[in-house]
C-alpha cells in the first residue's frame, strides 16, 4: 500500500511523526487514448504519440533557482514537508499533522530573489513530447501499453510512465470478440435453404468466399465458424482466431401459389404445434394479418407503463410517497 502511494506521508511511520526526511516522489503517469481501425490492429502499426507532460526545467536544470544552486532544506519542517500543529481545546491538547505552509509540502525552499523566472521556481515546465509506439498485431480493444519513464518528471524521483490506452473503432462489416471476428450478414430464404455462397473482403484485404456444404440449411440465429480467419493471436506467431458467422434470414413478403405447391412438395412435413381439439373439422377459418401501427404503438406504451409500475413496486413505494403494507387481520 505504501509503495503504491509513493511511500505514504513522508516521515510518518506507525502513527508517529518520525525524524526521517521527505521521501522522493514519483512523477505522474500520462494517459493517452489511441484510436485505431480494425485493419491497423490486424496488421499492427507504428503510431506517433504526441502528448503533454512535465519535464525538468531546461533553464535551471530542475533546481528552480537562477544561480543553479539546489533548494535548501525547509527550516520549519526540517525537510519533512509536514508539521505537527498543537492547540489546546479546553482541558485537552489536540495534535494534527498538516502540510508545511512554508515549503508547501516540498520539504525545501528557494530564496525568493533567486527563483528561476522560466519555471517560477517549480523546477519543472510543461512541454509537448513525441514518442513512437509499435502496436503488435492482434492488440485488443482497451489494452493499456506502458512506456516506462516517459511520463511526467520530478526533480527528486523517477519519472512516471506513458500509458497508451488502445480504442478500437467500429468497422462497417466485422465486429470483434477477443481474437474472433464476427460477421452478421442478411441472407434470403433461398440462400438459407439452397446453399449460401458469398464473397467479401477480409480484414487483411484478401477476398473470402463463404459457402455452405450442399444440402445444408442455414437456420436463423445459427452460428457458423471458419477457423483461422479471425484476428491474429497477440504474441503467438501465425495463429489466428475464428470467423463467426451468424446469419439473419430475411423472409419474402409474399410467395406465389405455384411456388407454394412446389415448396410444399419438397419441404419436410412438420408436426402441428397444437393438438387439434374434438370437432376441429367444423372450426371456422380466420386469417392472420400484420398488426397495425396503432396496435404496435399501444403495445409499446402499455409495456412502458408496466415496466414503470414494476420498478415502483421494487422500490417499495407507491405514487404519492405511500408504502405498501400488509393488511391487518
Protein backbone atom coordinates (compact mmCIF):
# COMPACT_ATOMS: atom_id res chain seq x y z
CA UNK A 1 0.00 0.00 0.00
CA UNK A 2 2.77 2.47 0.96
CA UNK A 3 4.78 1.60 -2.16
CA UNK A 4 1.70 2.12 -4.33
CA UNK A 5 1.20 5.62 -2.95
CA UNK A 6 4.88 6.57 -3.22
CA UNK A 7 5.88 5.79 0.37
CA UNK A 8 2.90 7.32 2.21
CA UNK A 9 3.25 10.50 4.22
CA UNK A 10 6.93 11.49 4.44
CA UNK A 11 8.37 10.89 7.86
CA UNK A 12 5.11 9.32 9.11
CA UNK A 13 5.58 5.80 10.45
CA UNK A 14 3.35 3.68 12.64
CA UNK A 15 1.21 6.67 13.65
CA UNK A 16 4.19 8.68 14.92
CA UNK A 17 5.87 11.62 13.21
CA UNK A 18 9.47 10.36 12.85
CA UNK A 19 12.70 12.13 12.07
CA UNK A 20 13.04 10.88 8.50
CA UNK A 21 13.43 13.38 5.70
CA UNK A 22 10.82 13.67 2.99
CA UNK A 23 10.96 10.72 0.58
CA UNK A 24 11.40 11.46 -3.15
CA UNK A 25 8.12 11.36 -5.04
CA UNK A 26 7.45 9.73 -8.38
CA UNK A 27 6.31 11.58 -11.48
CA UNK A 28 2.71 11.18 -12.60
CA UNK A 29 1.72 8.78 -15.35
CA UNK A 30 0.43 10.37 -18.53
CA UNK A 31 -2.55 8.53 -20.05
CA UNK A 32 -3.17 8.93 -23.80
CA UNK A 33 -6.08 7.47 -25.81
CA UNK A 34 -5.15 5.92 -29.16
CA UNK A 35 -7.98 5.20 -31.62
CA UNK A 36 -7.18 2.58 -34.27
CA UNK A 37 -9.05 0.87 -37.09
CA UNK A 38 -9.64 -2.88 -37.10
CA UNK A 39 -7.31 -3.14 -40.09
CA UNK A 40 -4.50 -1.42 -38.17
CA UNK A 41 -4.97 -3.74 -35.20
CA UNK A 42 -4.94 -6.72 -37.57
CA UNK A 43 -1.71 -5.75 -39.32
CA UNK A 44 -0.01 -3.96 -36.42
CA UNK A 45 1.30 -0.43 -36.80
CA UNK A 46 3.83 2.09 -35.54
CA UNK A 47 1.98 5.14 -34.25
CA UNK A 48 3.31 8.59 -33.40
CA UNK A 49 2.09 9.68 -29.96
CA UNK A 50 2.03 13.41 -29.14
CA UNK A 51 1.27 14.34 -25.55
CA UNK A 52 2.00 16.99 -22.93
CA UNK A 53 3.99 16.24 -19.77
CA UNK A 54 6.11 17.97 -17.12
CA UNK A 55 9.87 17.88 -17.66
CA UNK A 56 12.75 19.32 -15.65
CA UNK A 57 13.21 23.00 -16.44
CA UNK A 58 15.94 23.34 -19.06
CA UNK A 59 16.89 26.85 -17.88
CA UNK A 60 17.68 25.97 -14.25
CA UNK A 61 18.28 22.21 -14.78
CA UNK A 62 15.49 21.43 -12.35
CA UNK A 63 16.94 23.38 -9.43
CA UNK A 64 14.29 26.11 -9.52
CA UNK A 65 16.94 28.81 -8.95
CA UNK A 66 18.63 31.31 -11.27
CA UNK A 67 22.01 30.55 -9.73
CA UNK A 68 21.63 26.83 -10.28
CA UNK A 69 22.03 26.17 -6.57
CA UNK A 70 19.81 23.37 -5.28
CA UNK A 71 16.95 24.20 -2.89
CA UNK A 72 17.78 24.21 0.81
CA UNK A 73 16.02 22.19 3.47
CA UNK A 74 12.97 23.94 4.85
CA UNK A 75 13.83 25.13 8.39
CA UNK A 76 10.21 24.98 9.58
CA UNK A 77 9.62 21.28 8.89
CA UNK A 78 13.25 20.05 8.62
CA UNK A 79 12.60 18.71 5.14
CA UNK A 80 9.61 16.58 6.08
CA UNK A 81 7.06 18.66 4.20
CA UNK A 82 4.67 18.17 7.12
CA UNK A 83 4.29 19.81 10.52
CA UNK A 84 2.67 18.82 13.77
CA UNK A 85 0.31 21.52 14.96
CA UNK A 86 -0.68 21.58 18.63
CA UNK A 87 -3.57 23.52 20.11
CA UNK A 88 -5.40 23.44 23.40
CA UNK A 89 -9.16 22.97 23.48
CA UNK A 90 -10.50 23.38 26.99
CA UNK A 91 -8.71 20.84 29.13
CA UNK A 92 -7.49 18.83 26.13
CA UNK A 93 -4.47 19.18 23.85
CA UNK A 94 -5.09 18.30 20.19
CA UNK A 95 -2.32 17.44 17.72
CA UNK A 96 -2.76 17.30 13.97
CA UNK A 97 -0.39 16.81 11.04
CA UNK A 98 -0.65 19.44 8.29
CA UNK A 99 1.25 20.39 5.15
CA UNK A 100 4.07 22.77 5.95
CA UNK A 101 2.92 26.28 4.92
CA UNK A 102 6.48 27.50 4.34
CA UNK A 103 7.54 24.96 1.71
CA UNK A 104 4.00 23.85 0.75
CA UNK A 105 4.90 20.23 1.38
CA UNK A 106 8.04 20.23 -0.79
CA UNK A 107 10.45 19.93 2.13
CA UNK A 108 12.78 22.51 0.58
CA UNK A 109 12.71 26.20 -0.29
CA UNK A 110 14.39 28.61 -2.70
CA UNK A 111 15.39 32.15 -1.87
CA UNK A 112 12.74 34.43 -3.37
CA UNK A 113 15.44 36.57 -5.03
CA UNK A 114 16.96 33.52 -6.71
CA UNK A 115 13.79 31.97 -8.19
CA UNK A 116 14.09 30.86 -11.83
CA UNK A 117 11.84 33.03 -13.98
CA UNK A 118 11.34 30.29 -16.58
CA UNK A 119 9.64 27.82 -14.24
CA UNK A 120 8.75 30.21 -11.40
CA UNK A 121 10.69 28.02 -9.00
CA UNK A 122 8.58 24.94 -9.74
CA UNK A 123 11.64 23.18 -11.23
CA UNK A 124 9.52 21.65 -14.00
CA UNK A 125 7.83 23.02 -17.09
CA UNK A 126 5.18 21.68 -19.45
CA UNK A 127 6.17 20.61 -22.94
CA UNK A 128 4.83 18.53 -25.84
CA UNK A 129 6.65 15.21 -26.25
CA UNK A 130 6.61 12.98 -29.32
CA UNK A 131 7.07 9.22 -29.00
CA UNK A 132 6.77 6.36 -31.47
CA UNK A 133 5.00 3.23 -30.26
CA UNK A 134 4.81 -0.12 -32.03
CA UNK A 135 1.38 -1.75 -31.78
CA UNK A 136 1.56 -5.52 -32.15
CA UNK A 137 -0.85 -7.36 -34.49
CA UNK A 138 -3.90 -8.59 -32.62
CA UNK A 139 -3.76 -5.97 -29.86
CA UNK A 140 -7.16 -5.92 -28.19
CA UNK A 141 -9.56 -3.08 -27.56
CA UNK A 142 -8.89 -1.49 -24.18
CA UNK A 143 -5.28 -2.71 -23.98
CA UNK A 144 -3.04 -0.49 -21.84
CA UNK A 145 0.51 -0.18 -23.16
CA UNK A 146 3.04 1.37 -20.78
CA UNK A 147 6.28 3.07 -21.82
CA UNK A 148 8.38 3.24 -18.67
CA UNK A 149 9.84 6.60 -17.69
CA UNK A 150 8.15 8.60 -20.46
CA UNK A 151 5.58 10.27 -18.21
CA UNK A 152 5.99 13.43 -16.15
CA UNK A 153 9.35 14.12 -14.49
CA UNK A 154 10.03 15.29 -10.94
CA UNK A 155 13.27 16.78 -9.57
CA UNK A 156 13.95 14.23 -6.84
CA UNK A 157 12.47 10.97 -8.05
CA UNK A 158 11.82 8.68 -11.02
CA UNK A 159 9.65 9.82 -13.90
CA UNK A 160 6.18 8.38 -14.36
CA UNK A 161 5.13 6.24 -17.31
CA UNK A 162 3.37 6.96 -20.58
CA UNK A 163 0.25 4.77 -20.63
CA UNK A 164 -1.41 4.37 -24.04
CA UNK A 165 -4.97 3.00 -23.99
CA UNK A 166 -5.99 1.42 -27.31
CA UNK A 167 -9.55 2.00 -28.51
CA UNK A 168 -10.86 0.05 -31.49
CA UNK A 169 -13.03 1.95 -33.95
CA UNK A 170 -16.26 0.45 -35.26
CA UNK A 171 -15.98 -1.49 -38.51
CA UNK A 172 -18.69 -1.41 -41.20
CA UNK A 173 -18.62 -5.19 -41.79
CA UNK A 174 -16.99 -7.01 -38.89
CA UNK A 175 -17.26 -6.81 -35.14
CA UNK A 176 -14.80 -8.41 -32.76
CA UNK A 177 -14.76 -10.57 -29.64
CA UNK A 178 -11.22 -11.06 -28.31
CA UNK A 179 -9.40 -12.96 -31.09
CA UNK A 180 -12.56 -13.81 -33.06
CA UNK A 181 -14.20 -11.77 -35.80
CA UNK A 182 -17.99 -11.72 -36.08
CA UNK A 183 -19.95 -11.40 -39.33
CA UNK A 184 -23.74 -10.96 -39.26
CA UNK A 185 -24.97 -10.91 -42.87
CA UNK A 186 -28.57 -10.72 -44.03
CA UNK A 187 -29.40 -13.54 -46.42
CA UNK A 188 -32.52 -14.53 -48.32
CA UNK A 189 -34.65 -17.61 -47.75
CA UNK A 190 -33.33 -19.14 -50.97
CA UNK A 191 -29.73 -18.86 -49.72
CA UNK A 192 -30.71 -20.35 -46.38
CA UNK A 193 -32.44 -23.35 -47.98
CA UNK A 194 -30.49 -23.93 -51.19
CA UNK A 195 -26.98 -23.02 -50.04
CA UNK A 196 -25.05 -19.91 -49.11
CA UNK A 197 -22.36 -18.63 -51.48
CA UNK A 198 -20.98 -15.10 -50.93
CA UNK A 199 -17.63 -13.36 -51.33
CA UNK A 200 -16.42 -10.44 -49.24
CA UNK A 201 -13.20 -8.64 -48.44
CA UNK A 202 -11.46 -9.78 -45.26
CA UNK A 203 -9.80 -7.50 -42.73
CA UNK A 204 -6.42 -8.37 -44.26
CA UNK A 205 -7.65 -7.15 -47.68
CA UNK A 206 -7.85 -10.64 -49.22
CA UNK A 207 -11.20 -11.87 -50.61
CA UNK A 208 -13.05 -14.56 -48.64
CA UNK A 209 -15.58 -16.86 -50.34
CA UNK A 210 -18.03 -18.29 -47.84
CA UNK A 211 -20.08 -21.37 -48.81
CA UNK A 212 -22.21 -23.93 -47.05
CA UNK A 213 -21.94 -27.63 -47.97
CA UNK A 214 -24.65 -28.90 -50.37
CA UNK A 215 -27.84 -29.83 -48.57
CA UNK A 216 -27.04 -27.69 -45.53
CA UNK A 217 -29.83 -25.44 -44.29
CA UNK A 218 -28.79 -22.20 -42.58
CA UNK A 219 -31.07 -21.72 -39.58
CA UNK A 220 -31.90 -18.21 -38.32
CA UNK A 221 -29.55 -17.27 -35.49
CA UNK A 222 -27.30 -20.29 -36.02
CA UNK A 223 -23.59 -19.57 -35.50
CA UNK A 224 -21.23 -20.98 -38.12
CA UNK A 225 -17.44 -20.89 -37.79
CA UNK A 226 -14.48 -20.62 -40.13
CA UNK A 227 -11.26 -21.47 -38.24
CA UNK A 228 -8.18 -19.34 -38.82
CA UNK A 229 -10.00 -16.34 -40.30
CA UNK A 230 -10.17 -14.21 -37.15
CA UNK A 231 -7.70 -11.75 -35.62
CA UNK A 232 -4.05 -12.64 -35.01
CA UNK A 233 -3.42 -14.03 -31.55
CA UNK A 234 -1.22 -11.42 -29.88
CA UNK A 235 2.17 -12.88 -29.05
CA UNK A 236 1.52 -16.17 -30.92
CA UNK A 237 3.19 -16.17 -34.33
CA UNK A 238 0.99 -17.39 -37.20
CA UNK A 239 -2.10 -18.16 -35.09
CA UNK A 240 -5.49 -16.55 -35.67
CA UNK A 241 -8.91 -16.76 -34.08
CA UNK A 242 -12.12 -17.81 -35.78
CA UNK A 243 -14.56 -16.03 -38.06
CA UNK A 244 -18.01 -16.45 -36.51
CA UNK A 245 -20.92 -16.09 -38.95
CA UNK A 246 -24.47 -15.54 -37.66
CA UNK A 247 -26.96 -15.13 -40.49
CA UNK A 248 -30.19 -13.17 -40.33
CA UNK A 249 -32.63 -14.87 -42.70
CA UNK A 250 -34.95 -12.40 -44.43
CA UNK A 251 -38.32 -13.85 -45.34
CA UNK A 252 -40.09 -12.87 -48.58
CA UNK A 253 -43.19 -10.71 -48.27
CA UNK A 254 -45.27 -12.99 -50.49
CA UNK A 255 -44.95 -16.28 -52.38
CA UNK A 256 -46.96 -17.23 -55.46
CA UNK A 257 -49.46 -20.08 -55.26
CA UNK A 258 -47.45 -22.13 -57.78
CA UNK A 259 -44.29 -21.70 -55.73
CA UNK A 260 -46.17 -22.74 -52.59
CA UNK A 261 -47.19 -26.03 -54.17
CA UNK A 262 -43.59 -26.70 -55.22
CA UNK A 263 -42.23 -25.86 -51.78
CA UNK A 264 -44.85 -27.99 -50.06
CA UNK A 265 -43.82 -30.94 -52.21
CA UNK A 266 -40.09 -30.72 -51.38
CA UNK A 267 -40.08 -29.43 -47.81
CA UNK A 268 -40.29 -31.97 -44.97
CA UNK A 269 -43.60 -32.37 -43.18
CA UNK A 270 -43.80 -30.80 -39.71
CA UNK A 271 -46.00 -31.66 -36.76
CA UNK A 272 -48.61 -29.04 -35.86
CA UNK A 273 -47.69 -27.04 -32.74
CA UNK A 274 -51.02 -27.85 -31.03
CA UNK A 275 -53.13 -30.97 -30.79
CA UNK A 276 -56.41 -30.45 -32.61
CA UNK A 277 -59.41 -30.49 -30.26
CA UNK A 278 -62.50 -32.61 -30.93
CA UNK A 279 -64.74 -31.20 -33.60
CA UNK A 280 -61.94 -29.18 -35.20
CA UNK A 281 -63.14 -30.14 -38.66
CA UNK A 282 -66.07 -27.78 -38.15
CA UNK A 283 -63.95 -24.85 -36.90
CA UNK A 284 -64.29 -21.54 -38.71
CA UNK A 285 -61.21 -20.23 -40.54
CA UNK A 286 -59.55 -16.93 -39.53
CA UNK A 287 -56.65 -15.37 -41.43
CA UNK A 288 -53.65 -13.68 -39.85
CA UNK A 289 -52.91 -10.06 -40.79
CA UNK A 290 -49.96 -7.77 -39.97
CA UNK A 291 -50.56 -5.70 -36.83
CA UNK A 292 -51.44 -2.05 -37.48
CA UNK A 293 -49.22 0.86 -36.42
CA UNK A 294 -51.84 1.83 -33.84
CA UNK A 295 -51.70 -1.62 -32.26
CA UNK A 296 -47.90 -1.64 -32.15
CA UNK A 297 -47.81 1.82 -30.54
CA UNK A 298 -50.40 0.77 -27.95
CA UNK A 299 -48.45 -2.37 -27.04
CA UNK A 300 -45.24 -0.39 -26.65
CA UNK A 301 -46.96 2.24 -24.48
CA UNK A 302 -48.51 -0.41 -22.23
CA UNK A 303 -45.17 -2.20 -21.90
CA UNK A 304 -43.52 1.04 -20.69
CA UNK A 305 -46.32 1.59 -18.18
CA UNK A 306 -45.99 -1.96 -16.87
CA UNK A 307 -42.22 -1.58 -16.52
CA UNK A 308 -42.64 1.67 -14.57
CA UNK A 309 -45.20 0.00 -12.27
CA UNK A 310 -42.84 -2.91 -11.55
CA UNK A 311 -39.98 -0.53 -10.77
CA UNK A 312 -42.17 1.32 -8.25
CA UNK A 313 -43.06 -1.96 -6.60
CA UNK A 314 -39.40 -2.99 -6.35
CA UNK A 315 -38.57 0.33 -4.69
CA UNK A 316 -41.25 -0.36 -2.08
CA UNK A 317 -43.12 2.84 -2.77
CA UNK A 318 -46.36 3.94 -4.32
CA UNK A 319 -47.23 7.20 -6.11
CA UNK A 320 -47.56 9.99 -3.57
CA UNK A 321 -44.93 8.59 -1.22
CA UNK A 322 -47.06 5.86 0.39
CA UNK A 323 -45.58 2.48 1.26
CA UNK A 324 -47.13 -0.90 0.53
CA UNK A 325 -48.24 -2.57 3.76
CA UNK A 326 -49.78 -5.93 4.58
CA UNK A 327 -53.44 -5.89 5.52
CA UNK A 328 -54.09 -6.45 9.24
CA UNK A 329 -56.29 -9.43 10.08
